[in-house]
Amino acid sequence: MSEVDRPAAATPFLDELVRRLRLDAPTTDHPLTLYVHEGPLRAAVTALGEDCRDALWPDSTVEAAGFNLLLVHLYEVLATRDTSEPLRITGAGVPWPTTPRED
């Protein structure tokens, strides 16, 4: 299905992830590849948001708080780990690559 044919609300969590990454993602010295699907992303955002919202972002929705924390985790991975291989976002969030970043 092309971008034009896709219904606007078919992937709201993926769309929000892309929007947020375009706004303020850190730069990398190589192309960043993320493997993510709508269902696991929705599960991760919801679980993270339910766990952190009241303590960190009490005025936010569960989804907004979940996206905030997911991006904190993703940006920490980008800053500290080797991300030359594709990264995954699973229903549990961002699994950390084992290889540290070499500067």
PDB file of N, CA and C in Angstrom:
ATOM      1  N   MET A   1       0.856  -1.168   0.000  1.00  0.00           N
ATOM      2  CA  MET A   1       0.000   0.000   0.000  1.00  0.00           C
ATOM      3  C   MET A   1       0.901   1.230   0.000  1.00  0.00           C
ATOM      4  N   SER A   2       0.655   2.125  -0.870  1.00  0.00           N
ATOM      5  CA  SER A   2       1.482   3.333  -0.946  1.00  0.00           C
ATOM      6  C   SER A   2       1.102   4.304   0.159  1.00  0.00           C
ATOM      7  N   GLU A   3       1.960   5.265   0.399  1.00  0.00           N
ATOM      8  CA  GLU A   3       1.721   6.303   1.398  1.00  0.00           C
ATOM      9  C   GLU A   3       0.412   7.040   1.113  1.00  0.00           C
ATOM     10  N   VAL A   4       0.099   7.231  -0.143  1.00  0.00           N
ATOM     11  CA  VAL A   4      -1.117   7.938  -0.537  1.00  0.00           C
ATOM     12  C   VAL A   4      -2.353   7.097  -0.254  1.00  0.00           C
ATOM     13  N   ASP A   5      -2.263   5.772  -0.457  1.00  0.00           N
ATOM     14  CA  ASP A   5      -3.411   4.897  -0.282  1.00  0.00           C
ATOM     15  C   ASP A   5      -3.687   4.523   1.170  1.00  0.00           C
ATOM     16  N   ARG A   6      -2.702   4.677   2.040  1.00  0.00           N
ATOM     17  CA  ARG A   6      -2.841   4.247   3.419  1.00  0.00           C
ATOM     18  C   ARG A   6      -3.806   5.153   4.168  1.00  0.00           C
ATOM     19  N   PRO A   7      -4.771   4.586   4.897  1.00  0.00           N
ATOM     20  CA  PRO A   7      -5.670   5.410   5.704  1.00  0.00           C
ATOM     21  C   PRO A   7      -4.879   6.180   6.751  1.00  0.00           C
ATOM     22  N   ALA A   8      -5.302   7.379   7.058  1.00  0.00           N
ATOM     23  CA  ALA A   8      -4.562   8.265   7.958  1.00  0.00           C
ATOM     24  C   ALA A   8      -4.359   7.668   9.345  1.00  0.00           C
ATOM     25  N   ALA A   9      -5.314   6.942   9.860  1.00  0.00           N
ATOM     26  CA  ALA A   9      -5.218   6.421  11.221  1.00  0.00           C
ATOM     27  C   ALA A   9      -4.757   4.970  11.272  1.00  0.00           C
ATOM     28  N   ALA A  10      -4.251   4.418  10.185  1.00  0.00           N
ATOM     29  CA  ALA A  10      -3.871   3.009  10.154  1.00  0.00           C
ATOM     30  C   ALA A  10      -2.683   2.710  11.055  1.00  0.00           C
ATOM     31  N   THR A  11      -1.767   3.633  11.201  1.00  0.00           N
ATOM     32  CA  THR A  11      -0.576   3.415  12.022  1.00  0.00           C
ATOM     33  C   THR A  11      -0.279   4.652  12.876  1.00  0.00           C
ATOM     34  N   PRO A  12      -1.147   4.983  13.791  1.00  0.00           N
ATOM     35  CA  PRO A  12      -0.950   6.223  14.541  1.00  0.00           C
ATOM     36  C   PRO A  12       0.315   6.214  15.404  1.00  0.00           C
ATOM     37  N   PHE A  13       0.710   5.074  15.946  1.00  0.00           N
ATOM     38  CA  PHE A  13       1.904   5.043  16.784  1.00  0.00           C
ATOM     39  C   PHE A  13       3.164   5.158  15.941  1.00  0.00           C
ATOM     40  N   LEU A  14       3.196   4.490  14.802  1.00  0.00           N
ATOM     41  CA  LEU A  14       4.338   4.638  13.893  1.00  0.00           C
ATOM     42  C   LEU A  14       4.437   6.069  13.376  1.00  0.00           C
ATOM     43  N   ASP A  15       3.300   6.628  13.020  1.00  0.00           N
ATOM     44  CA  ASP A  15       3.292   8.009  12.531  1.00  0.00           C
ATOM     45  C   ASP A  15       3.835   8.967  13.590  1.00  0.00           C
ATOM     46  N   GLU A  16       3.447   8.763  14.853  1.00  0.00           N
ATOM     47  CA  GLU A  16       3.925   9.628  15.928  1.00  0.00           C
ATOM     48  C   GLU A  16       5.417   9.427  16.170  1.00  0.00           C
ATOM     49  N   LEU A  17       5.892   8.198  16.091  1.00  0.00           N
ATOM     50  CA  LEU A  17       7.324   7.936  16.250  1.00  0.00           C
ATOM     51  C   LEU A  17       8.115   8.655  15.165  1.00  0.00           C
ATOM     52  N   VAL A  18       7.688   8.552  13.945  1.00  0.00           N
ATOM     53  CA  VAL A  18       8.375   9.225  12.836  1.00  0.00           C
ATOM     54  C   VAL A  18       8.335  10.740  13.035  1.00  0.00           C
ATOM     55  N   ARG A  19       7.198  11.270  13.420  1.00  0.00           N
ATOM     56  CA  ARG A  19       7.073  12.712  13.647  1.00  0.00           C
ATOM     57  C   ARG A  19       8.060  13.180  14.717  1.00  0.00           C
ATOM     58  N   ARG A  20       8.119  12.455  15.830  1.00  0.00           N
ATOM     59  CA  ARG A  20       9.011  12.852  16.921  1.00  0.00           C
ATOM     60  C   ARG A  20      10.478  12.706  16.533  1.00  0.00           C
ATOM     61  N   LEU A  21      10.812  11.649  15.807  1.00  0.00           N
ATOM     62  CA  LEU A  21      12.195  11.479  15.372  1.00  0.00           C
ATOM     63  C   LEU A  21      12.617  12.584  14.414  1.00  0.00           C
ATOM     64  N   ARG A  22      11.714  13.002  13.565  1.00  0.00           N
ATOM     65  CA  ARG A  22      12.032  14.092  12.637  1.00  0.00           C
ATOM     66  C   ARG A  22      12.241  15.415  13.366  1.00  0.00           C
ATOM     67  N   LEU A  23      11.575  15.588  14.489  1.00  0.00           N
ATOM     68  CA  LEU A  23      11.689  16.839  15.252  1.00  0.00           C
ATOM     69  C   LEU A  23      13.029  16.981  15.957  1.00  0.00           C
ATOM     70  N   ASP A  24      13.493  15.898  16.605  1.00  0.00           N
ATOM     71  CA  ASP A  24      14.672  16.103  17.443  1.00  0.00           C
ATOM     72  C   ASP A  24      15.566  14.878  17.623  1.00  0.00           C
ATOM     73  N   ALA A  25      15.615  13.995  16.669  1.00  0.00           N
ATOM     74  CA  ALA A  25      16.499  12.838  16.791  1.00  0.00           C
ATOM     75  C   ALA A  25      17.951  13.269  16.714  1.00  0.00           C
ATOM     76  N   PRO A  26      18.795  12.663  17.551  1.00  0.00           N
ATOM     77  CA  PRO A  26      20.210  12.992  17.460  1.00  0.00           C
ATOM     78  C   PRO A  26      20.787  12.499  16.134  1.00  0.00           C
ATOM     79  N   THR A  27      21.829  13.145  15.691  1.00  0.00           N
ATOM     80  CA  THR A  27      22.457  12.716  14.445  1.00  0.00           C
ATOM     81  C   THR A  27      23.382  11.536  14.720  1.00  0.00           C
ATOM     82  N   THR A  28      23.531  10.692  13.727  1.00  0.00           N
ATOM     83  CA  THR A  28      24.450   9.563  13.803  1.00  0.00           C
ATOM     84  C   THR A  28      25.408   9.665  12.630  1.00  0.00           C
ATOM     85  N   ASP A  29      26.533   8.971  12.742  1.00  0.00           N
ATOM     86  CA  ASP A  29      27.519   9.011  11.668  1.00  0.00           C
ATOM     87  C   ASP A  29      27.244   7.965  10.594  1.00  0.00           C
ATOM     88  N   HIS A  30      26.077   7.339  10.672  1.00  0.00           N
ATOM     89  CA  HIS A  30      25.657   6.346   9.686  1.00  0.00           C
ATOM     90  C   HIS A  30      24.124   6.337   9.659  1.00  0.00           C
ATOM     91  N   PRO A  31      23.549   5.803   8.601  1.00  0.00           N
ATOM     92  CA  PRO A  31      22.081   5.728   8.565  1.00  0.00           C
ATOM     93  C   PRO A  31      21.556   4.855   9.709  1.00  0.00           C
ATOM     94  N   LEU A  32      20.485   5.274  10.316  1.00  0.00           N
ATOM     95  CA  LEU A  32      19.861   4.528  11.395  1.00  0.00           C
ATOM     96  C   LEU A  32      18.712   3.713  10.832  1.00  0.00           C
ATOM     97  N   THR A  33      18.710   2.426  11.143  1.00  0.00           N
ATOM     98  CA  THR A  33      17.631   1.547  10.711  1.00  0.00           C
ATOM     99  C   THR A  33      16.896   1.040  11.933  1.00  0.00           C
ATOM    100  N   LEU A  34      15.577   1.266  11.983  1.00  0.00           N
ATOM    101  CA  LEU A  34      14.729   0.766  13.061  1.00  0.00           C
ATOM    102  C   LEU A  34      13.770  -0.262  12.495  1.00  0.00           C
ATOM    103  N   TYR A  35      13.667  -1.408  13.157  1.00  0.00           N
ATOM    104  CA  TYR A  35      12.638  -2.391  12.832  1.00  0.00           C
ATOM    105  C   TYR A  35      11.552  -2.254  13.876  1.00  0.00           C
ATOM    106  N   VAL A  36      10.372  -1.890  13.437  1.00  0.00           N
ATOM    107  CA  VAL A  36       9.269  -1.688  14.375  1.00  0.00           C
ATOM    108  C   VAL A  36       7.958  -1.899  13.636  1.00  0.00           C
ATOM    109  N   HIS A  37       6.996  -2.453  14.359  1.00  0.00           N
ATOM    110  CA  HIS A  37       5.646  -2.649  13.822  1.00  0.00           C
ATOM    111  C   HIS A  37       4.657  -1.961  14.764  1.00  0.00           C
ATOM    112  N   GLU A  38       3.527  -1.611  14.231  1.00  0.00           N
ATOM    113  CA  GLU A  38       2.519  -0.857  14.974  1.00  0.00           C
ATOM    114  C   GLU A  38       2.125  -1.545  16.284  1.00  0.00           C
ATOM    115  N   GLY A  39       1.829  -2.825  16.253  1.00  0.00           N
ATOM    116  CA  GLY A  39       1.362  -3.528  17.460  1.00  0.00           C
ATOM    117  C   GLY A  39       2.373  -3.516  18.596  1.00  0.00           C
ATOM    118  N   PRO A  40       3.607  -3.970  18.358  1.00  0.00           N
ATOM    119  CA  PRO A  40       4.606  -3.924  19.430  1.00  0.00           C
ATOM    120  C   PRO A  40       4.926  -2.502  19.888  1.00  0.00           C
ATOM    121  N   LEU A  41       4.934  -1.554  18.968  1.00  0.00           N
ATOM    122  CA  LEU A  41       5.179  -0.167  19.352  1.00  0.00           C
ATOM    123  C   LEU A  41       4.066   0.328  20.265  1.00  0.00           C
ATOM    124  N   ARG A  42       2.833   0.034  19.921  1.00  0.00           N
ATOM    125  CA  ARG A  42       1.688   0.428  20.764  1.00  0.00           C
ATOM    126  C   ARG A  42       1.829  -0.203  22.153  1.00  0.00           C
ATOM    127  N   ALA A  43       2.199  -1.494  22.204  1.00  0.00           N
ATOM    128  CA  ALA A  43       2.354  -2.184  23.487  1.00  0.00           C
ATOM    129  C   ALA A  43       3.459  -1.553  24.329  1.00  0.00           C
ATOM    130  N   ALA A  44       4.596  -1.238  23.701  1.00  0.00           N
ATOM    131  CA  ALA A  44       5.715  -0.630  24.426  1.00  0.00           C
ATOM    132  C   ALA A  44       5.353   0.747  24.955  1.00  0.00           C
ATOM    133  N   VAL A  45       4.754   1.570  24.104  1.00  0.00           N
ATOM    134  CA  VAL A  45       4.383   2.932  24.502  1.00  0.00           C
ATOM    135  C   VAL A  45       3.387   2.887  25.662  1.00  0.00           C
ATOM    136  N   THR A  46       2.415   2.004  25.576  1.00  0.00           N
ATOM    137  CA  THR A  46       1.403   1.902  26.629  1.00  0.00           C
ATOM    138  C   THR A  46       2.016   1.412  27.935  1.00  0.00           C
ATOM    139  N   ALA A  47       2.826   0.350  27.872  1.00  0.00           N
ATOM    140  CA  ALA A  47       3.441  -0.194  29.089  1.00  0.00           C
ATOM    141  C   ALA A  47       4.382   0.820  29.736  1.00  0.00           C
ATOM    142  N   LEU A  48       5.218   1.455  28.937  1.00  0.00           N
ATOM    143  CA  LEU A  48       6.137   2.455  29.477  1.00  0.00           C
ATOM    144  C   LEU A  48       5.373   3.625  30.080  1.00  0.00           C
ATOM    145  N   GLY A  49       4.342   4.076  29.382  1.00  0.00           N
ATOM    146  CA  GLY A  49       3.546   5.197  29.875  1.00  0.00           C
ATOM    147  C   GLY A  49       2.830   4.892  31.169  1.00  0.00           C
ATOM    148  N   GLU A  50       2.284   3.687  31.274  1.00  0.00           N
ATOM    149  CA  GLU A  50       1.598   3.303  32.512  1.00  0.00           C
ATOM    150  C   GLU A  50       2.578   3.246  33.675  1.00  0.00           C
ATOM    151  N   ASP A  51       3.814   2.837  33.412  1.00  0.00           N
ATOM    152  CA  ASP A  51       4.821   2.719  34.467  1.00  0.00           C
ATOM    153  C   ASP A  51       5.381   4.065  34.919  1.00  0.00           C
ATOM    154  N   CYS A  52       5.457   5.047  34.015  1.00  0.00           N
ATOM    155  CA  CYS A  52       6.191   6.272  34.352  1.00  0.00           C
ATOM    156  C   CYS A  52       5.360   7.537  34.428  1.00  0.00           C
ATOM    157  N   ARG A  53       4.175   7.539  33.883  1.00  0.00           N
ATOM    158  CA  ARG A  53       3.453   8.811  33.745  1.00  0.00           C
ATOM    159  C   ARG A  53       3.284   9.549  35.058  1.00  0.00           C
ATOM    160  N   ASP A  54       2.779   8.887  36.078  1.00  0.00           N
ATOM    161  CA  ASP A  54       2.477   9.586  37.322  1.00  0.00           C
ATOM    162  C   ASP A  54       3.728  10.197  37.959  1.00  0.00           C
ATOM    163  N   ALA A  55       4.864   9.522  37.819  1.00  0.00           N
ATOM    164  CA  ALA A  55       6.097  10.015  38.435  1.00  0.00           C
ATOM    165  C   ALA A  55       6.809  11.067  37.586  1.00  0.00           C
ATOM    166  N   LEU A  56       6.780  10.903  36.263  1.00  0.00           N
ATOM    167  CA  LEU A  56       7.588  11.767  35.406  1.00  0.00           C
ATOM    168  C   LEU A  56       6.805  12.837  34.654  1.00  0.00           C
ATOM    169  N   TRP A  57       5.656  12.476  34.136  1.00  0.00           N
ATOM    170  CA  TRP A  57       4.855  13.408  33.328  1.00  0.00           C
ATOM    171  C   TRP A  57       3.386  13.321  33.750  1.00  0.00           C
ATOM    172  N   PRO A  58       3.055  13.749  34.974  1.00  0.00           N
ATOM    173  CA  PRO A  58       1.693  13.546  35.477  1.00  0.00           C
ATOM    174  C   PRO A  58       0.607  14.268  34.689  1.00  0.00           C
ATOM    175  N   ASP A  59       0.959  15.310  33.958  1.00  0.00           N
ATOM    176  CA  ASP A  59      -0.042  16.036  33.182  1.00  0.00           C
ATOM    177  C   ASP A  59      -0.208  15.495  31.772  1.00  0.00           C
ATOM    178  N   SER A  60       0.548  14.457  31.424  1.00  0.00           N
ATOM    179  CA  SER A  60       0.510  13.876  30.075  1.00  0.00           C
ATOM    180  C   SER A  60      -0.436  12.688  30.018  1.00  0.00           C
ATOM    181  N   THR A  61      -0.807  12.322  28.807  1.00  0.00           N
ATOM    182  CA  THR A  61      -1.544  11.080  28.622  1.00  0.00           C
ATOM    183  C   THR A  61      -0.571   9.913  28.784  1.00  0.00           C
ATOM    184  N   VAL A  62      -1.095   8.721  28.955  1.00  0.00           N
ATOM    185  CA  VAL A  62      -0.251   7.523  29.043  1.00  0.00           C
ATOM    186  C   VAL A  62       0.583   7.399  27.778  1.00  0.00           C
ATOM    187  N   GLU A  63      -0.032   7.628  26.625  1.00  0.00           N
ATOM    188  CA  GLU A  63       0.692   7.498  25.358  1.00  0.00           C
ATOM    189  C   GLU A  63       1.806   8.528  25.228  1.00  0.00           C
ATOM    190  N   ALA A  64       1.542   9.769  25.599  1.00  0.00           N
ATOM    191  CA  ALA A  64       2.575  10.809  25.502  1.00  0.00           C
ATOM    192  C   ALA A  64       3.740  10.489  26.427  1.00  0.00           C
ATOM    193  N   ALA A  65       3.451  10.080  27.656  1.00  0.00           N
ATOM    194  CA  ALA A  65       4.509   9.720  28.596  1.00  0.00           C
ATOM    195  C   ALA A  65       5.290   8.511  28.086  1.00  0.00           C
ATOM    196  N   GLY A  66       4.596   7.536  27.523  1.00  0.00           N
ATOM    197  CA  GLY A  66       5.265   6.358  26.977  1.00  0.00           C
ATOM    198  C   GLY A  66       6.189   6.697  25.825  1.00  0.00           C
ATOM    199  N   PHE A  67       5.745   7.562  24.937  1.00  0.00           N
ATOM    200  CA  PHE A  67       6.609   8.000  23.834  1.00  0.00           C
ATOM    201  C   PHE A  67       7.810   8.770  24.374  1.00  0.00           C
ATOM    202  N   ASN A  68       7.596   9.621  25.364  1.00  0.00           N
ATOM    203  CA  ASN A  68       8.712  10.372  25.953  1.00  0.00           C
ATOM    204  C   ASN A  68       9.784   9.423  26.475  1.00  0.00           C
ATOM    205  N   LEU A  69       9.377   8.425  27.257  1.00  0.00           N
ATOM    206  CA  LEU A  69      10.353   7.511  27.845  1.00  0.00           C
ATOM    207  C   LEU A  69      10.975   6.603  26.790  1.00  0.00           C
ATOM    208  N   LEU A  70      10.206   6.165  25.824  1.00  0.00           N
ATOM    209  CA  LEU A  70      10.756   5.351  24.738  1.00  0.00           C
ATOM    210  C   LEU A  70      11.854   6.118  24.006  1.00  0.00           C
ATOM    211  N   LEU A  71      11.621   7.399  23.741  1.00  0.00           N
ATOM    212  CA  LEU A  71      12.625   8.202  23.046  1.00  0.00           C
ATOM    213  C   LEU A  71      13.841   8.469  23.931  1.00  0.00           C
ATOM    214  N   VAL A  72      13.649   8.622  25.224  1.00  0.00           N
ATOM    215  CA  VAL A  72      14.798   8.740  26.131  1.00  0.00           C
ATOM    216  C   VAL A  72      15.657   7.491  26.013  1.00  0.00           C
ATOM    217  N   HIS A  73      15.029   6.317  26.047  1.00  0.00           N
ATOM    218  CA  HIS A  73      15.762   5.060  25.920  1.00  0.00           C
ATOM    219  C   HIS A  73      16.453   4.963  24.557  1.00  0.00           C
ATOM    220  N   LEU A  74      15.750   5.293  23.498  1.00  0.00           N
ATOM    221  CA  LEU A  74      16.319   5.216  22.152  1.00  0.00           C
ATOM    222  C   LEU A  74      17.510   6.166  22.017  1.00  0.00           C
ATOM    223  N   TYR A  75      17.381   7.384  22.504  1.00  0.00           N
ATOM    224  CA  TYR A  75      18.471   8.352  22.388  1.00  0.00           C
ATOM    225  C   TYR A  75      19.673   7.938  23.235  1.00  0.00           C
ATOM    226  N   GLU A  76      19.431   7.286  24.371  1.00  0.00           N
ATOM    227  CA  GLU A  76      20.530   6.774  25.190  1.00  0.00           C
ATOM    228  C   GLU A  76      21.266   5.651  24.450  1.00  0.00           C
ATOM    229  N   VAL A  77      20.523   4.793  23.781  1.00  0.00           N
ATOM    230  CA  VAL A  77      21.148   3.742  22.964  1.00  0.00           C
ATOM    231  C   VAL A  77      21.987   4.387  21.864  1.00  0.00           C
ATOM    232  N   LEU A  78      21.449   5.378  21.196  1.00  0.00           N
ATOM    233  CA  LEU A  78      22.189   6.043  20.119  1.00  0.00           C
ATOM    234  C   LEU A  78      23.465   6.693  20.633  1.00  0.00           C
ATOM    235  N   ALA A  79      23.440   7.203  21.854  1.00  0.00           N
ATOM    236  CA  ALA A  79      24.600   7.896  22.413  1.00  0.00           C
ATOM    237  C   ALA A  79      25.669   6.946  22.951  1.00  0.00           C
ATOM    238  N   THR A  80      25.271   5.730  23.346  1.00  0.00           N
ATOM    239  CA  THR A  80      26.216   4.874  24.067  1.00  0.00           C
ATOM    240  C   THR A  80      26.509   3.533  23.428  1.00  0.00           C
ATOM    241  N   ARG A  81      25.751   3.125  22.431  1.00  0.00           N
ATOM    242  CA  ARG A  81      25.887   1.786  21.856  1.00  0.00           C
ATOM    243  C   ARG A  81      26.217   1.855  20.372  1.00  0.00           C
ATOM    244  N   ASP A  82      26.775   0.775  19.855  1.00  0.00           N
ATOM    245  CA  ASP A  82      27.020   0.642  18.417  1.00  0.00           C
ATOM    246  C   ASP A  82      25.676   0.407  17.735  1.00  0.00           C
ATOM    247  N   THR A  83      25.288   1.329  16.899  1.00  0.00           N
ATOM    248  CA  THR A  83      23.990   1.216  16.211  1.00  0.00           C
ATOM    249  C   THR A  83      24.172   1.063  14.712  1.00  0.00           C
ATOM    250  N   SER A  84      25.309   0.487  14.312  1.00  0.00           N
ATOM    251  CA  SER A  84      25.518   0.257  12.884  1.00  0.00           C
ATOM    252  C   SER A  84      24.623  -0.865  12.377  1.00  0.00           C
ATOM    253  N   GLU A  85      24.195  -1.749  13.273  1.00  0.00           N
ATOM    254  CA  GLU A  85      23.221  -2.780  12.927  1.00  0.00           C
ATOM    255  C   GLU A  85      21.821  -2.230  13.206  1.00  0.00           C
ATOM    256  N   PRO A  86      20.811  -2.770  12.537  1.00  0.00           N
ATOM    257  CA  PRO A  86      19.447  -2.290  12.784  1.00  0.00           C
ATOM    258  C   PRO A  86      19.027  -2.451  14.248  1.00  0.00           C
ATOM    259  N   LEU A  87      18.264  -1.499  14.738  1.00  0.00           N
ATOM    260  CA  LEU A  87      17.690  -1.551  16.081  1.00  0.00           C
ATOM    261  C   LEU A  87      16.244  -2.004  15.982  1.00  0.00           C
ATOM    262  N   ARG A  88      15.786  -2.675  17.006  1.00  0.00           N
ATOM    263  CA  ARG A  88      14.391  -3.100  17.073  1.00  0.00           C
ATOM    264  C   ARG A  88      13.686  -2.354  18.201  1.00  0.00           C
ATOM    265  N   ILE A  89      12.418  -2.120  17.994  1.00  0.00           N
ATOM    266  CA  ILE A  89      11.549  -1.687  19.078  1.00  0.00           C
ATOM    267  C   ILE A  89      10.526  -2.804  19.225  1.00  0.00           C
ATOM    268  N   THR A  90      10.536  -3.442  20.389  1.00  0.00           N
ATOM    269  CA  THR A  90       9.634  -4.563  20.638  1.00  0.00           C
ATOM    270  C   THR A  90       8.520  -4.117  21.572  1.00  0.00           C
ATOM    271  N   GLY A  91       7.666  -5.029  21.916  1.00  0.00           N
ATOM    272  CA  GLY A  91       6.595  -4.728  22.857  1.00  0.00           C
ATOM    273  C   GLY A  91       7.107  -4.330  24.228  1.00  0.00           C
ATOM    274  N   ALA A  92       8.374  -4.628  24.501  1.00  0.00           N
ATOM    275  CA  ALA A  92       8.986  -4.263  25.781  1.00  0.00           C
ATOM    276  C   ALA A  92       9.795  -2.971  25.684  1.00  0.00           C
ATOM    277  N   GLY A  93       9.930  -2.418  24.499  1.00  0.00           N
ATOM    278  CA  GLY A  93      10.691  -1.186  24.328  1.00  0.00           C
ATOM    279  C   GLY A  93      11.894  -1.391  23.432  1.00  0.00           C
ATOM    280  N   VAL A  94      13.008  -0.757  23.780  1.00  0.00           N
ATOM    281  CA  VAL A  94      14.219  -0.790  22.962  1.00  0.00           C
ATOM    282  C   VAL A  94      15.226  -1.744  23.604  1.00  0.00           C
ATOM    283  N   PRO A  95      15.457  -2.924  23.010  1.00  0.00           N
ATOM    284  CA  PRO A  95      16.514  -3.797  23.538  1.00  0.00           C
ATOM    285  C   PRO A  95      17.876  -3.148  23.285  1.00  0.00           C
ATOM    286  N   TRP A  96      18.734  -3.166  24.287  1.00  0.00           N
ATOM    287  CA  TRP A  96      20.038  -2.510  24.177  1.00  0.00           C
ATOM    288  C   TRP A  96      21.022  -3.410  23.464  1.00  0.00           C
ATOM    289  N   PRO A  97      21.671  -2.899  22.411  1.00  0.00           N
ATOM    290  CA  PRO A  97      22.751  -3.659  21.781  1.00  0.00           C
ATOM    291  C   PRO A  97      23.881  -3.853  22.794  1.00  0.00           C
ATOM    292  N   THR A  98      24.596  -4.963  22.683  1.00  0.00           N
ATOM    293  CA  THR A  98      25.629  -5.269  23.661  1.00  0.00           C
ATOM    294  C   THR A  98      26.944  -4.566  23.389  1.00  0.00           C
ATOM    295  N   THR A  99      27.187  -4.158  22.168  1.00  0.00           N
ATOM    296  CA  THR A  99      28.464  -3.542  21.819  1.00  0.00           C
ATOM    297  C   THR A  99      28.439  -2.046  22.103  1.00  0.00           C
ATOM    298  N   PRO A 100      29.380  -1.565  22.939  1.00  0.00           N
ATOM    299  CA  PRO A 100      29.450  -0.119  23.200  1.00  0.00           C
ATOM    300  C   PRO A 100      29.829   0.655  21.941  1.00  0.00           C
ATOM    301  N   ARG A 101      29.473   1.885  21.918  1.00  0.00           N
ATOM    302  CA  ARG A 101      29.824   2.763  20.812  1.00  0.00           C
ATOM    303  C   ARG A 101      31.306   3.116  20.907  1.00  0.00           C
ATOM    304  N   GLU A 102      31.985   3.126  19.774  1.00  0.00           N
ATOM    305  CA  GLU A 102      33.381   3.538  19.723  1.00  0.00           C
ATOM    306  C   GLU A 102      33.443   4.929  19.143  1.00  0.00           C
ATOM    307  N   ASP A 103      34.079   5.824  19.863  1.00  0.00           N
ATOM    308  CA  ASP A 103      34.207   7.203  19.365  1.00  0.00           C
ATOM    309  C   ASP A 103      35.577   7.453  18.802  1.00  0.00           C
TER     310      ASP A 103
END
